[in-house]
Structures are given as C-alpha cells and as structure tokens.
Amino acid sequence: MAFDIEKFSGSEFNYKVLDVPVPTLKQFFEEDEPTIWQVKGLTGHELAKVNEAIKLNKDIVSIISGIASETHSEKIDAIKEALGITDNSPDDLVRRISALVFASVSPVITQEIAVKLADSFPTVFYLLTNKIFSLTGDGKSLGESKASGEIVTSEAV
C-alpha cells in the first residue's frame, strides 16, 4: 500500500487537547471550577525546542557563572533557582519543564511556574508531561478545524 501524498498534503490537522484531572491542586482552582489542566501535543518545531532546552540550560549556566564571578553570587543563584537552571539539573527534568511550558493550554504557564510545579507537586508534573509526550507521539487529529481542538479526557492519578 503506497502513501497517498496528495491526500496527506490536502488534509487539515488539529491539536488534540487533553483534559487532565489534577485534584491534588484543588486549592489553586476557583471553588466552583473543575480541577482540570489542559495539555496538547507538541509540534515538530516545539519538540525540537524542548530537546534543545537541555543544551540551552548548560549554556546559560556557563554564562551566568561567568557573570556571577563579577557580581553578587547570591542574586545570581536566586535567579538560577527561579528559572530551574543549575549545573546539576537532570536533562529529563529540563526537557519536561520546557515541554510543560509549550504544551499547557489552560492554564498557560511560564518556566518559573513549571519549575515550581515540578518541585512542589512532582507526581502531578510527571503526569502532565507524560500525557504531553503521549499526545505528541499520537500526532494531530485529522479533520476540520475546531475552536479548541479535540478534547480527550484522562483519568486522574
């Protein structure tokens, strides 16, 4: 069976958006709101940037260390900690922090929030990033454009 290039090139693709229940974070949601974190799969470009985050992390550590030799190291250390940038950050953690920033649909988060979530609620952090990588592996959905993409629900862990 041959790959139909014309069919593929003429197709529309949409993000799958996954509603992931995060009851552990209930205290951070509005009282009447569901405890749902929405994530999507990564595009090829985003996945490449996530994978580059490991190298970037190491480069930034070198640059900041150079700056630190000329300024107050306590301030530099505080900046590095807030951004999750350290010499000993595992590559997997750096990759997952970057993925969560790119793939969080609701709430939209910063790197600082992803670092804090990883530190404060590591099981939730890994649940979300595992879902992101699973969606990325599944690819986009074939079909007409929808406002928020296909919504797929997930069981809480």
Protein backbone atom coordinates (compact mmCIF):
# COMPACT_ATOMS: atom_id res chain seq x y z
CA MET A 1 0.00 0.00 0.00
CA ALA A 2 1.53 3.31 -1.08
CA PHE A 3 1.45 6.50 0.96
CA ASP A 4 -1.04 8.95 -0.62
CA ILE A 5 0.93 12.20 -0.70
CA GLU A 6 -1.92 14.19 -2.28
CA LYS A 7 -4.38 13.09 0.40
CA PHE A 8 -1.86 13.88 3.13
CA SER A 9 -0.92 17.31 1.76
CA GLY A 10 -4.57 18.30 1.35
CA SER A 11 -5.59 17.24 4.85
CA GLU A 12 -6.32 19.51 7.80
CA PHE A 13 -4.84 18.56 11.16
CA ASN A 14 -5.83 19.73 14.66
CA TYR A 15 -4.27 19.52 18.08
CA LYS A 16 -5.73 17.01 20.46
CA VAL A 17 -6.36 18.79 23.73
CA LEU A 18 -6.39 16.55 26.77
CA ASP A 19 -8.25 17.43 29.96
CA VAL A 20 -6.13 16.04 32.78
CA PRO A 21 -7.79 15.99 36.21
CA VAL A 22 -5.41 17.31 38.87
CA PRO A 23 -7.37 17.02 42.14
CA THR A 24 -4.14 17.38 44.12
CA LEU A 25 -4.06 21.04 43.02
CA LYS A 26 -7.68 21.72 44.06
CA GLN A 27 -6.68 24.52 46.46
CA PHE A 28 -5.35 26.52 43.49
CA PHE A 29 -8.57 26.42 41.45
CA GLU A 30 -11.69 28.54 41.85
CA GLU A 31 -14.14 26.84 44.23
CA ASP A 32 -16.73 26.01 41.56
CA GLU A 33 -14.23 25.23 38.77
CA PRO A 34 -13.19 21.71 37.78
CA THR A 35 -9.62 20.76 38.67
CA ILE A 36 -8.54 20.29 35.06
CA TRP A 37 -5.20 21.09 33.44
CA GLN A 38 -5.40 21.11 29.63
CA VAL A 39 -2.40 20.00 27.61
CA LYS A 40 -1.73 19.40 23.94
CA GLY A 41 0.83 17.51 21.92
CA LEU A 42 3.93 19.31 20.68
CA THR A 43 4.61 20.24 17.07
CA GLY A 44 7.88 19.18 15.46
CA HIS A 45 9.26 22.69 15.97
CA GLU A 46 8.23 22.76 19.63
CA LEU A 47 9.66 19.28 20.22
CA ALA A 48 12.98 20.39 18.73
CA LYS A 49 13.00 23.44 21.05
CA VAL A 50 12.20 21.19 24.02
CA ASN A 51 15.11 18.94 23.11
CA GLU A 52 17.38 21.99 22.68
CA ALA A 53 16.42 23.21 26.15
CA ILE A 54 18.96 20.78 27.61
CA LYS A 55 21.85 22.38 25.69
CA LEU A 56 20.50 25.86 26.37
CA ASN A 57 20.32 25.09 30.09
CA LYS A 58 24.01 24.12 30.11
CA ASP A 59 24.96 27.20 28.06
CA ILE A 60 23.04 29.55 30.35
CA VAL A 61 24.68 28.01 33.41
CA SER A 62 28.09 28.80 31.89
CA ILE A 63 27.09 32.36 31.00
CA ILE A 64 25.53 33.07 34.39
CA SER A 65 28.52 31.55 36.17
CA GLY A 66 30.76 33.95 34.22
CA ILE A 67 28.61 36.88 35.25
CA ALA A 68 28.49 35.63 38.85
CA SER A 69 32.26 35.88 39.15
CA GLU A 70 31.90 39.64 38.74
CA THR A 71 28.70 40.28 40.72
CA HIS A 72 26.84 39.12 43.81
CA SER A 73 26.60 35.36 43.57
CA GLU A 74 23.59 35.16 45.92
CA LYS A 75 21.46 37.16 43.48
CA ILE A 76 22.67 35.08 40.56
CA ASP A 77 21.91 31.86 42.47
CA ALA A 78 18.38 33.12 43.22
CA ILE A 79 17.79 33.85 39.52
CA LYS A 80 19.12 30.44 38.51
CA GLU A 81 16.92 28.71 41.09
CA ALA A 82 13.78 30.57 39.98
CA LEU A 83 14.41 29.53 36.39
CA GLY A 84 15.32 25.96 37.31
CA ILE A 85 18.78 26.43 35.81
CA THR A 86 21.52 24.60 37.66
CA ASP A 87 24.63 22.66 36.84
CA ASN A 88 23.06 19.51 38.22
CA SER A 89 19.53 19.70 36.75
CA PRO A 90 18.82 16.33 35.17
CA ASP A 91 18.36 16.57 31.41
CA ASP A 92 14.98 14.84 31.69
CA LEU A 93 13.74 17.49 34.12
CA VAL A 94 14.90 20.35 31.88
CA ARG A 95 13.17 18.71 28.91
CA ARG A 96 9.90 18.20 30.82
CA ILE A 97 9.84 21.76 32.17
CA SER A 98 10.19 23.09 28.64
CA ALA A 99 7.51 20.70 27.33
CA LEU A 100 5.03 21.75 30.02
CA VAL A 101 5.52 25.42 29.16
CA PHE A 102 4.92 24.80 25.43
CA ALA A 103 2.03 22.36 25.81
CA SER A 104 -0.05 23.83 28.64
CA VAL A 105 -3.25 25.10 27.06
CA SER A 106 -5.03 26.03 30.28
CA PRO A 107 -3.50 27.35 32.37
CA VAL A 108 -0.87 28.98 30.19
CA ILE A 109 2.29 28.93 32.31
CA THR A 110 5.82 30.31 32.47
CA GLN A 111 9.05 28.43 33.06
CA GLU A 112 9.05 29.63 36.67
CA ILE A 113 5.61 28.09 37.28
CA ALA A 114 6.69 24.81 35.64
CA VAL A 115 9.77 24.71 37.88
CA LYS A 116 7.66 25.37 40.97
CA LEU A 117 5.14 22.69 39.97
CA ALA A 118 7.94 20.16 39.40
CA ASP A 119 9.40 20.97 42.79
CA SER A 120 6.15 21.18 44.77
CA PHE A 121 3.99 18.53 43.05
CA PRO A 122 6.36 16.19 41.21
CA THR A 123 3.78 13.45 40.64
CA VAL A 124 1.35 15.90 39.00
CA PHE A 125 4.23 17.37 36.99
CA TYR A 126 5.23 13.94 35.66
CA LEU A 127 1.60 13.00 34.98
CA LEU A 128 1.13 16.11 32.85
CA THR A 129 4.39 15.77 30.95
CA ASN A 130 3.81 12.06 30.31
CA LYS A 131 0.42 12.97 28.80
CA ILE A 132 2.09 15.64 26.65
CA PHE A 133 4.66 13.20 25.28
CA SER A 134 1.93 10.61 24.65
CA LEU A 135 -0.16 13.16 22.70
CA THR A 136 2.94 14.23 20.79
CA GLY A 137 3.59 10.64 19.78
CA ASP A 138 -0.02 10.23 18.63
CA GLY A 139 0.23 13.27 16.34
CA LYS A 140 -2.53 15.68 15.45
CA SER A 141 -6.09 14.62 14.62
CA LEU A 142 -7.28 14.51 11.06
CA GLY A 143 -10.36 16.63 10.45
CA GLU A 144 -11.90 20.03 10.21
CA SER A 145 -10.66 22.85 12.36
CA LYS A 146 -12.28 23.18 15.80
CA ALA A 147 -12.02 26.17 18.09
CA SER A 148 -10.14 24.41 20.87
CA GLY A 149 -9.16 21.19 19.19
CA GLU A 150 -10.36 17.72 20.02
CA ILE A 151 -10.89 17.26 23.71
CA VAL A 152 -9.91 13.93 25.14
CA THR A 153 -10.34 13.27 28.84
CA SER A 154 -7.89 11.47 31.05
CA GLU A 155 -8.17 9.69 34.39
CA ALA A 156 -6.62 11.37 37.41
CA VAL A 157 -3.61 9.82 39.04
